[in-house]
Amino acid sequence: MPLPWQTEQCKNVDCARPYQILEIGGGVDGCNESETIRCPHCGHSYTERTSGDFDMRKLLPDDEVRWLKRNKAASSDSTPFTFCA
């Protein structure tokens, strides 16, 4: 079974490009630490509390174009940008 990569949009308004993120591990009660999530395009970062780690990667160019087209249409419906890849 493939790992559940999710696609997020960079929170930096000057970038706003999509990238994929995977939480590895986690699910351990009481062991949460702040882990950094960093956009692979511009380096913008934020933290999440988790007992796991995060891995980030750029989308392939064709996948990025498809994601942007799909989510541009969805944003007019107030649909969140994040979806499972």
PDB file of N, CA and C in Angstrom:
ATOM      1  N   MET A   1       0.850  -1.185   0.000  1.00  0.00           N
ATOM      2  CA  MET A   1       0.000   0.000   0.000  1.00  0.00           C
ATOM      3  C   MET A   1       0.893   1.244   0.000  1.00  0.00           C
ATOM      4  N   PRO A   2       0.635   2.197  -0.914  1.00  0.00           N
ATOM      5  CA  PRO A   2       1.468   3.397  -0.966  1.00  0.00           C
ATOM      6  C   PRO A   2       1.263   4.276   0.270  1.00  0.00           C
ATOM      7  N   LEU A   3       2.287   5.055   0.593  1.00  0.00           N
ATOM      8  CA  LEU A   3       2.188   5.970   1.724  1.00  0.00           C
ATOM      9  C   LEU A   3       1.211   7.094   1.396  1.00  0.00           C
ATOM     10  N   PRO A   4       0.502   7.616   2.404  1.00  0.00           N
ATOM     11  CA  PRO A   4      -0.539   8.633   2.167  1.00  0.00           C
ATOM     12  C   PRO A   4       0.021  10.049   2.045  1.00  0.00           C
ATOM     13  N   TRP A   5       0.698  10.330   0.938  1.00  0.00           N
ATOM     14  CA  TRP A   5       1.163  11.697   0.690  1.00  0.00           C
ATOM     15  C   TRP A   5      -0.047  12.589   0.529  1.00  0.00           C
ATOM     16  N   GLN A   6       0.031  13.802   1.076  1.00  0.00           N
ATOM     17  CA  GLN A   6      -1.020  14.792   0.892  1.00  0.00           C
ATOM     18  C   GLN A   6      -0.413  16.007   0.218  1.00  0.00           C
ATOM     19  N   THR A   7      -1.220  16.724  -0.526  1.00  0.00           N
ATOM     20  CA  THR A   7      -0.746  17.920  -1.200  1.00  0.00           C
ATOM     21  C   THR A   7      -1.242  19.136  -0.441  1.00  0.00           C
ATOM     22  N   GLU A   8      -0.308  20.046  -0.145  1.00  0.00           N
ATOM     23  CA  GLU A   8      -0.621  21.300   0.527  1.00  0.00           C
ATOM     24  C   GLU A   8      -0.145  22.445  -0.336  1.00  0.00           C
ATOM     25  N   GLN A   9      -0.737  23.603  -0.101  1.00  0.00           N
ATOM     26  CA  GLN A   9      -0.297  24.805  -0.788  1.00  0.00           C
ATOM     27  C   GLN A   9       0.562  25.609   0.186  1.00  0.00           C
ATOM     28  N   CYS A  10       1.681  26.122  -0.296  1.00  0.00           N
ATOM     29  CA  CYS A  10       2.560  26.921   0.544  1.00  0.00           C
ATOM     30  C   CYS A  10       1.779  28.095   1.130  1.00  0.00           C
ATOM     31  N   LYS A  11       1.984  28.358   2.410  1.00  0.00           N
ATOM     32  CA  LYS A  11       1.271  29.434   3.103  1.00  0.00           C
ATOM     33  C   LYS A  11       1.912  30.798   2.870  1.00  0.00           C
ATOM     34  N   ASN A  12       3.064  30.817   2.191  1.00  0.00           N
ATOM     35  CA  ASN A  12       3.712  32.070   1.823  1.00  0.00           C
ATOM     36  C   ASN A  12       2.995  32.609   0.588  1.00  0.00           C
ATOM     37  N   VAL A  13       2.341  33.758   0.710  1.00  0.00           N
ATOM     38  CA  VAL A  13       1.546  34.282  -0.406  1.00  0.00           C
ATOM     39  C   VAL A  13       2.397  34.621  -1.626  1.00  0.00           C
ATOM     40  N   ASP A  14       3.694  34.859  -1.430  1.00  0.00           N
ATOM     41  CA  ASP A  14       4.567  35.140  -2.567  1.00  0.00           C
ATOM     42  C   ASP A  14       4.938  33.867  -3.331  1.00  0.00           C
ATOM     43  N   CYS A  15       4.718  32.711  -2.725  1.00  0.00           N
ATOM     44  CA  CYS A  15       5.011  31.427  -3.369  1.00  0.00           C
ATOM     45  C   CYS A  15       3.698  30.744  -3.751  1.00  0.00           C
ATOM     46  N   ALA A  16       2.960  30.287  -2.743  1.00  0.00           N
ATOM     47  CA  ALA A  16       1.642  29.651  -2.916  1.00  0.00           C
ATOM     48  C   ALA A  16       1.655  28.431  -3.837  1.00  0.00           C
ATOM     49  N   ARG A  17       2.824  27.806  -4.012  1.00  0.00           N
ATOM     50  CA  ARG A  17       2.909  26.620  -4.868  1.00  0.00           C
ATOM     51  C   ARG A  17       2.573  25.369  -4.061  1.00  0.00           C
ATOM     52  N   PRO A  18       2.016  24.375  -4.714  1.00  0.00           N
ATOM     53  CA  PRO A  18       1.699  23.134  -4.015  1.00  0.00           C
ATOM     54  C   PRO A  18       2.939  22.257  -3.847  1.00  0.00           C
ATOM     55  N   TYR A  19       2.919  21.451  -2.800  1.00  0.00           N
ATOM     56  CA  TYR A  19       3.968  20.461  -2.556  1.00  0.00           C
ATOM     57  C   TYR A  19       3.337  19.305  -1.799  1.00  0.00           C
ATOM     58  N   GLN A  20       4.031  18.193  -1.753  1.00  0.00           N
ATOM     59  CA  GLN A  20       3.495  17.028  -1.059  1.00  0.00           C
ATOM     60  C   GLN A  20       4.175  16.875   0.294  1.00  0.00           C
ATOM     61  N   ILE A  21       3.398  16.374   1.252  1.00  0.00           N
ATOM     62  CA  ILE A  21       3.871  16.194   2.614  1.00  0.00           C
ATOM     63  C   ILE A  21       3.427  14.823   3.113  1.00  0.00           C
ATOM     64  N   LEU A  22       4.292  14.201   3.877  1.00  0.00           N
ATOM     65  CA  LEU A  22       4.005  12.886   4.445  1.00  0.00           C
ATOM     66  C   LEU A  22       4.398  12.907   5.908  1.00  0.00           C
ATOM     67  N   GLU A  23       3.474  12.514   6.787  1.00  0.00           N
ATOM     68  CA  GLU A  23       3.825  12.349   8.198  1.00  0.00           C
ATOM     69  C   GLU A  23       4.268  10.906   8.400  1.00  0.00           C
ATOM     70  N   ILE A  24       5.475  10.747   8.923  1.00  0.00           N
ATOM     71  CA  ILE A  24       6.060   9.433   9.141  1.00  0.00           C
ATOM     72  C   ILE A  24       6.036   9.148  10.636  1.00  0.00           C
ATOM     73  N   GLY A  25       5.483   8.015  11.001  1.00  0.00           N
ATOM     74  CA  GLY A  25       5.383   7.681  12.425  1.00  0.00           C
ATOM     75  C   GLY A  25       4.203   8.411  13.033  1.00  0.00           C
ATOM     76  N   GLY A  26       4.357   8.814  14.259  1.00  0.00           N
ATOM     77  CA  GLY A  26       3.278   9.515  14.937  1.00  0.00           C
ATOM     78  C   GLY A  26       2.357   8.552  15.654  1.00  0.00           C
ATOM     79  N   GLY A  27       1.339   9.090  16.270  1.00  0.00           N
ATOM     80  CA  GLY A  27       0.363   8.278  16.971  1.00  0.00           C
ATOM     81  C   GLY A  27       0.771   7.852  18.372  1.00  0.00           C
ATOM     82  N   VAL A  28       1.875   8.409  18.890  1.00  0.00           N
ATOM     83  CA  VAL A  28       2.322   8.057  20.230  1.00  0.00           C
ATOM     84  C   VAL A  28       1.821   9.131  21.195  1.00  0.00           C
ATOM     85  N   ASP A  29       0.959   8.761  22.113  1.00  0.00           N
ATOM     86  CA  ASP A  29       0.407   9.716  23.066  1.00  0.00           C
ATOM     87  C   ASP A  29       1.487  10.275  23.980  1.00  0.00           C
ATOM     88  N   GLY A  30       1.405  11.578  24.234  1.00  0.00           N
ATOM     89  CA  GLY A  30       2.291  12.218  25.194  1.00  0.00           C
ATOM     90  C   GLY A  30       3.696  12.487  24.708  1.00  0.00           C
ATOM     91  N   CYS A  31       4.005  12.212  23.462  1.00  0.00           N
ATOM     92  CA  CYS A  31       5.366  12.400  22.943  1.00  0.00           C
ATOM     93  C   CYS A  31       5.425  13.470  21.865  1.00  0.00           C
ATOM     94  N   ASN A  32       4.468  14.368  21.837  1.00  0.00           N
ATOM     95  CA  ASN A  32       4.435  15.366  20.777  1.00  0.00           C
ATOM     96  C   ASN A  32       5.547  16.391  20.926  1.00  0.00           C
ATOM     97  N   GLU A  33       6.198  16.682  19.819  1.00  0.00           N
ATOM     98  CA  GLU A  33       7.211  17.721  19.735  1.00  0.00           C
ATOM     99  C   GLU A  33       6.884  18.593  18.537  1.00  0.00           C
ATOM    100  N   SER A  34       7.440  19.782  18.497  1.00  0.00           N
ATOM    101  CA  SER A  34       7.251  20.662  17.345  1.00  0.00           C
ATOM    102  C   SER A  34       8.156  20.196  16.214  1.00  0.00           C
ATOM    103  N   GLU A  35       7.562  19.925  15.077  1.00  0.00           N
ATOM    104  CA  GLU A  35       8.304  19.516  13.883  1.00  0.00           C
ATOM    105  C   GLU A  35       8.094  20.566  12.797  1.00  0.00           C
ATOM    106  N   THR A  36       9.139  20.855  12.066  1.00  0.00           N
ATOM    107  CA  THR A  36       9.088  21.889  11.030  1.00  0.00           C
ATOM    108  C   THR A  36       8.618  21.316   9.707  1.00  0.00           C
ATOM    109  N   ILE A  37       7.696  22.030   9.085  1.00  0.00           N
ATOM    110  CA  ILE A  37       7.248  21.740   7.731  1.00  0.00           C
ATOM    111  C   ILE A  37       7.768  22.884   6.873  1.00  0.00           C
ATOM    112  N   ARG A  38       8.563  22.560   5.846  1.00  0.00           N
ATOM    113  CA  ARG A  38       9.225  23.577   5.036  1.00  0.00           C
ATOM    114  C   ARG A  38       8.862  23.386   3.565  1.00  0.00           C
ATOM    115  N   CYS A  39       8.411  24.469   2.935  1.00  0.00           N
ATOM    116  CA  CYS A  39       8.087  24.428   1.509  1.00  0.00           C
ATOM    117  C   CYS A  39       9.359  24.135   0.725  1.00  0.00           C
ATOM    118  N   PRO A  40       9.356  23.110  -0.138  1.00  0.00           N
ATOM    119  CA  PRO A  40      10.557  22.795  -0.919  1.00  0.00           C
ATOM    120  C   PRO A  40      10.827  23.796  -2.047  1.00  0.00           C
ATOM    121  N   HIS A  41       9.886  24.707  -2.288  1.00  0.00           N
ATOM    122  CA  HIS A  41      10.070  25.703  -3.343  1.00  0.00           C
ATOM    123  C   HIS A  41      10.749  26.968  -2.815  1.00  0.00           C
ATOM    124  N   CYS A  42      10.223  27.518  -1.715  1.00  0.00           N
ATOM    125  CA  CYS A  42      10.715  28.818  -1.233  1.00  0.00           C
ATOM    126  C   CYS A  42      11.356  28.753   0.151  1.00  0.00           C
ATOM    127  N   GLY A  43      11.184  27.639   0.865  1.00  0.00           N
ATOM    128  CA  GLY A  43      11.774  27.506   2.191  1.00  0.00           C
ATOM    129  C   GLY A  43      10.917  28.028   3.325  1.00  0.00           C
ATOM    130  N   HIS A  44       9.747  28.592   3.018  1.00  0.00           N
ATOM    131  CA  HIS A  44       8.847  29.060   4.083  1.00  0.00           C
ATOM    132  C   HIS A  44       8.520  27.885   5.002  1.00  0.00           C
ATOM    133  N   SER A  45       8.487  28.136   6.306  1.00  0.00           N
ATOM    134  CA  SER A  45       8.252  27.029   7.226  1.00  0.00           C
ATOM    135  C   SER A  45       7.242  27.398   8.308  1.00  0.00           C
ATOM    136  N   TYR A  46       6.640  26.360   8.875  1.00  0.00           N
ATOM    137  CA  TYR A  46       5.782  26.468  10.047  1.00  0.00           C
ATOM    138  C   TYR A  46       5.941  25.176  10.827  1.00  0.00           C
ATOM    139  N   THR A  47       5.438  25.142  12.045  1.00  0.00           N
ATOM    140  CA  THR A  47       5.602  23.951  12.871  1.00  0.00           C
ATOM    141  C   THR A  47       4.257  23.307  13.175  1.00  0.00           C
ATOM    142  N   GLU A  48       4.302  22.014  13.370  1.00  0.00           N
ATOM    143  CA  GLU A  48       3.154  21.199  13.781  1.00  0.00           C
ATOM    144  C   GLU A  48       3.589  20.361  14.965  1.00  0.00           C
ATOM    145  N   ARG A  49       2.694  20.125  15.898  1.00  0.00           N
ATOM    146  CA  ARG A  49       2.978  19.250  17.033  1.00  0.00           C
ATOM    147  C   ARG A  49       2.621  17.825  16.636  1.00  0.00           C
ATOM    148  N   THR A  50       3.588  16.920  16.740  1.00  0.00           N
ATOM    149  CA  THR A  50       3.380  15.528  16.369  1.00  0.00           C
ATOM    150  C   THR A  50       4.413  14.652  17.061  1.00  0.00           C
ATOM    151  N   SER A  51       4.136  13.382  17.124  1.00  0.00           N
ATOM    152  CA  SER A  51       5.135  12.442  17.628  1.00  0.00           C
ATOM    153  C   SER A  51       5.888  11.799  16.466  1.00  0.00           C
ATOM    154  N   GLY A  52       5.589  12.230  15.251  1.00  0.00           N
ATOM    155  CA  GLY A  52       6.263  11.705  14.071  1.00  0.00           C
ATOM    156  C   GLY A  52       7.188  12.740  13.458  1.00  0.00           C
ATOM    157  N   ASP A  53       7.579  12.487  12.227  1.00  0.00           N
ATOM    158  CA  ASP A  53       8.396  13.408  11.437  1.00  0.00           C
ATOM    159  C   ASP A  53       7.654  13.694  10.143  1.00  0.00           C
ATOM    160  N   PHE A  54       8.072  14.742   9.450  1.00  0.00           N
ATOM    161  CA  PHE A  54       7.475  15.095   8.166  1.00  0.00           C
ATOM    162  C   PHE A  54       8.510  15.012   7.063  1.00  0.00           C
ATOM    163  N   ASP A  55       8.074  14.582   5.889  1.00  0.00           N
ATOM    164  CA  ASP A  55       8.893  14.591   4.688  1.00  0.00           C
ATOM    165  C   ASP A  55       8.127  15.404   3.649  1.00  0.00           C
ATOM    166  N   MET A  56       8.818  16.291   2.947  1.00  0.00           N
ATOM    167  CA  MET A  56       8.197  17.135   1.939  1.00  0.00           C
ATOM    168  C   MET A  56       8.893  16.915   0.602  1.00  0.00           C
ATOM    169  N   ARG A  57       8.134  17.065  -0.478  1.00  0.00           N
ATOM    170  CA  ARG A  57       8.719  16.970  -1.819  1.00  0.00           C
ATOM    171  C   ARG A  57       7.895  17.819  -2.788  1.00  0.00           C
ATOM    172  N   LYS A  58       8.574  18.268  -3.853  1.00  0.00           N
ATOM    173  CA  LYS A  58       7.898  19.028  -4.903  1.00  0.00           C
ATOM    174  C   LYS A  58       7.030  18.083  -5.722  1.00  0.00           C
ATOM    175  N   LEU A  59       5.968  18.621  -6.300  1.00  0.00           N
ATOM    176  CA  LEU A  59       5.184  17.866  -7.266  1.00  0.00           C
ATOM    177  C   LEU A  59       5.925  17.874  -8.599  1.00  0.00           C
ATOM    178  N   LEU A  60       5.701  16.862  -9.400  1.00  0.00           N
ATOM    179  CA  LEU A  60       6.209  16.881 -10.769  1.00  0.00           C
ATOM    180  C   LEU A  60       5.522  18.032 -11.503  1.00  0.00           C
ATOM    181  N   PRO A  61       6.176  18.663 -12.472  1.00  0.00           N
ATOM    182  CA  PRO A  61       5.589  19.831 -13.145  1.00  0.00           C
ATOM    183  C   PRO A  61       4.172  19.598 -13.683  1.00  0.00           C
ATOM    184  N   ASP A  62       3.914  18.471 -14.343  1.00  0.00           N
ATOM    185  CA  ASP A  62       2.573  18.201 -14.869  1.00  0.00           C
ATOM    186  C   ASP A  62       1.548  18.051 -13.742  1.00  0.00           C
ATOM    187  N   ASP A  63       1.959  17.421 -12.647  1.00  0.00           N
ATOM    188  CA  ASP A  63       1.054  17.257 -11.494  1.00  0.00           C
ATOM    189  C   ASP A  63       0.753  18.609 -10.855  1.00  0.00           C
ATOM    190  N   GLU A  64       1.754  19.492 -10.803  1.00  0.00           N
ATOM    191  CA  GLU A  64       1.531  20.818 -10.228  1.00  0.00           C
ATOM    192  C   GLU A  64       0.519  21.607 -11.062  1.00  0.00           C
ATOM    193  N   VAL A  65       0.649  21.543 -12.374  1.00  0.00           N
ATOM    194  CA  VAL A  65      -0.293  22.242 -13.265  1.00  0.00           C
ATOM    195  C   VAL A  65      -1.712  21.709 -13.059  1.00  0.00           C
ATOM    196  N   ARG A  66      -1.855  20.377 -13.020  1.00  0.00           N
ATOM    197  CA  ARG A  66      -3.184  19.782 -12.799  1.00  0.00           C
ATOM    198  C   ARG A  66      -3.749  20.197 -11.444  1.00  0.00           C
ATOM    199  N   TRP A  67      -2.916  20.185 -10.411  1.00  0.00           N
ATOM    200  CA  TRP A  67      -3.371  20.546  -9.058  1.00  0.00           C
ATOM    201  C   TRP A  67      -3.838  21.997  -9.026  1.00  0.00           C
ATOM    202  N   LEU A  68      -3.056  22.893  -9.642  1.00  0.00           N
ATOM    203  CA  LEU A  68      -3.423  24.310  -9.645  1.00  0.00           C
ATOM    204  C   LEU A  68      -4.724  24.540 -10.405  1.00  0.00           C
ATOM    205  N   LYS A  69      -4.913  23.874 -11.542  1.00  0.00           N
ATOM    206  CA  LYS A  69      -6.167  24.020 -12.301  1.00  0.00           C
ATOM    207  C   LYS A  69      -7.343  23.500 -11.497  1.00  0.00           C
ATOM    208  N   ARG A  70      -7.191  22.323 -10.889  1.00  0.00           N
ATOM    209  CA  ARG A  70      -8.265  21.720 -10.106  1.00  0.00           C
ATOM    210  C   ARG A  70      -8.639  22.594  -8.910  1.00  0.00           C
ATOM    211  N   ASN A  71      -7.658  23.131  -8.231  1.00  0.00           N
ATOM    212  CA  ASN A  71      -7.925  23.894  -7.019  1.00  0.00           C
ATOM    213  C   ASN A  71      -8.307  25.334  -7.280  1.00  0.00           C
ATOM    214  N   LYS A  72      -7.972  25.856  -8.451  1.00  0.00           N
ATOM    215  CA  LYS A  72      -8.456  27.183  -8.819  1.00  0.00           C
ATOM    216  C   LYS A  72      -9.976  27.125  -8.975  1.00  0.00           C
ATOM    217  N   ALA A  73     -10.472  26.079  -9.631  1.00  0.00           N
ATOM    218  CA  ALA A  73     -11.910  25.907  -9.796  1.00  0.00           C
ATOM    219  C   ALA A  73     -12.568  25.613  -8.456  1.00  0.00           C
ATOM    220  N   ALA A  74     -11.920  24.803  -7.622  1.00  0.00           N
ATOM    221  CA  ALA A  74     -12.496  24.429  -6.325  1.00  0.00           C
ATOM    222  C   ALA A  74     -12.515  25.605  -5.366  1.00  0.00           C
ATOM    223  N   SER A  75     -11.564  26.538  -5.471  1.00  0.00           N
ATOM    224  CA  SER A  75     -11.512  27.648  -4.521  1.00  0.00           C
ATOM    225  C   SER A  75     -12.740  28.541  -4.640  1.00  0.00           C
ATOM    226  N   SER A  76     -13.365  28.575  -5.814  1.00  0.00           N
ATOM    227  CA  SER A  76     -14.587  29.366  -5.960  1.00  0.00           C
ATOM    228  C   SER A  76     -15.771  28.710  -5.254  1.00  0.00           C
ATOM    229  N   ASP A  77     -15.631  27.409  -4.920  1.00  0.00           N
ATOM    230  CA  ASP A  77     -16.665  26.686  -4.180  1.00  0.00           C
ATOM    231  C   ASP A  77     -16.356  26.626  -2.689  1.00  0.00           C
ATOM    232  N   SER A  78     -15.322  27.349  -2.228  1.00  0.00           N
ATOM    233  CA  SER A  78     -14.874  27.342  -0.833  1.00  0.00           C
ATOM    234  C   SER A  78     -14.399  25.962  -0.384  1.00  0.00           C
ATOM    235  N   THR A  79     -13.868  25.180  -1.311  1.00  0.00           N
ATOM    236  CA  THR A  79     -13.334  23.867  -1.003  1.00  0.00           C
ATOM    237  C   THR A  79     -11.894  24.022  -0.505  1.00  0.00           C
ATOM    238  N   PRO A  80     -11.494  23.320   0.563  1.00  0.00           N
ATOM    239  CA  PRO A  80     -10.114  23.434   1.023  1.00  0.00           C
ATOM    240  C   PRO A  80      -9.120  22.984  -0.047  1.00  0.00           C
ATOM    241  N   PHE A  81      -7.895  23.511   0.010  1.00  0.00           N
ATOM    242  CA  PHE A  81      -6.876  23.194  -0.972  1.00  0.00           C
ATOM    243  C   PHE A  81      -6.263  21.825  -0.781  1.00  0.00           C
ATOM    244  N   THR A  82      -6.248  21.268   0.413  1.00  0.00           N
ATOM    245  CA  THR A  82      -5.540  20.021   0.681  1.00  0.00           C
ATOM    246  C   THR A  82      -6.370  18.819   0.249  1.00  0.00           C
ATOM    247  N   PHE A  83      -5.736  17.850  -0.420  1.00  0.00           N
ATOM    248  CA  PHE A  83      -6.403  16.615  -0.785  1.00  0.00           C
ATOM    249  C   PHE A  83      -5.372  15.501  -0.772  1.00  0.00           C
ATOM    250  N   CYS A  84      -5.828  14.281  -0.714  1.00  0.00           N
ATOM    251  CA  CYS A  84      -4.908  13.137  -0.735  1.00  0.00           C
ATOM    252  C   CYS A  84      -4.456  12.884  -2.157  1.00  0.00           C
ATOM    253  N   ALA A  85      -3.165  12.654  -2.311  1.00  0.00           N
ATOM    254  CA  ALA A  85      -2.618  12.415  -3.649  1.00  0.00           C
ATOM    255  C   ALA A  85      -2.772  10.963  -4.051  1.00  0.00           C
TER     256      ALA A  85
END
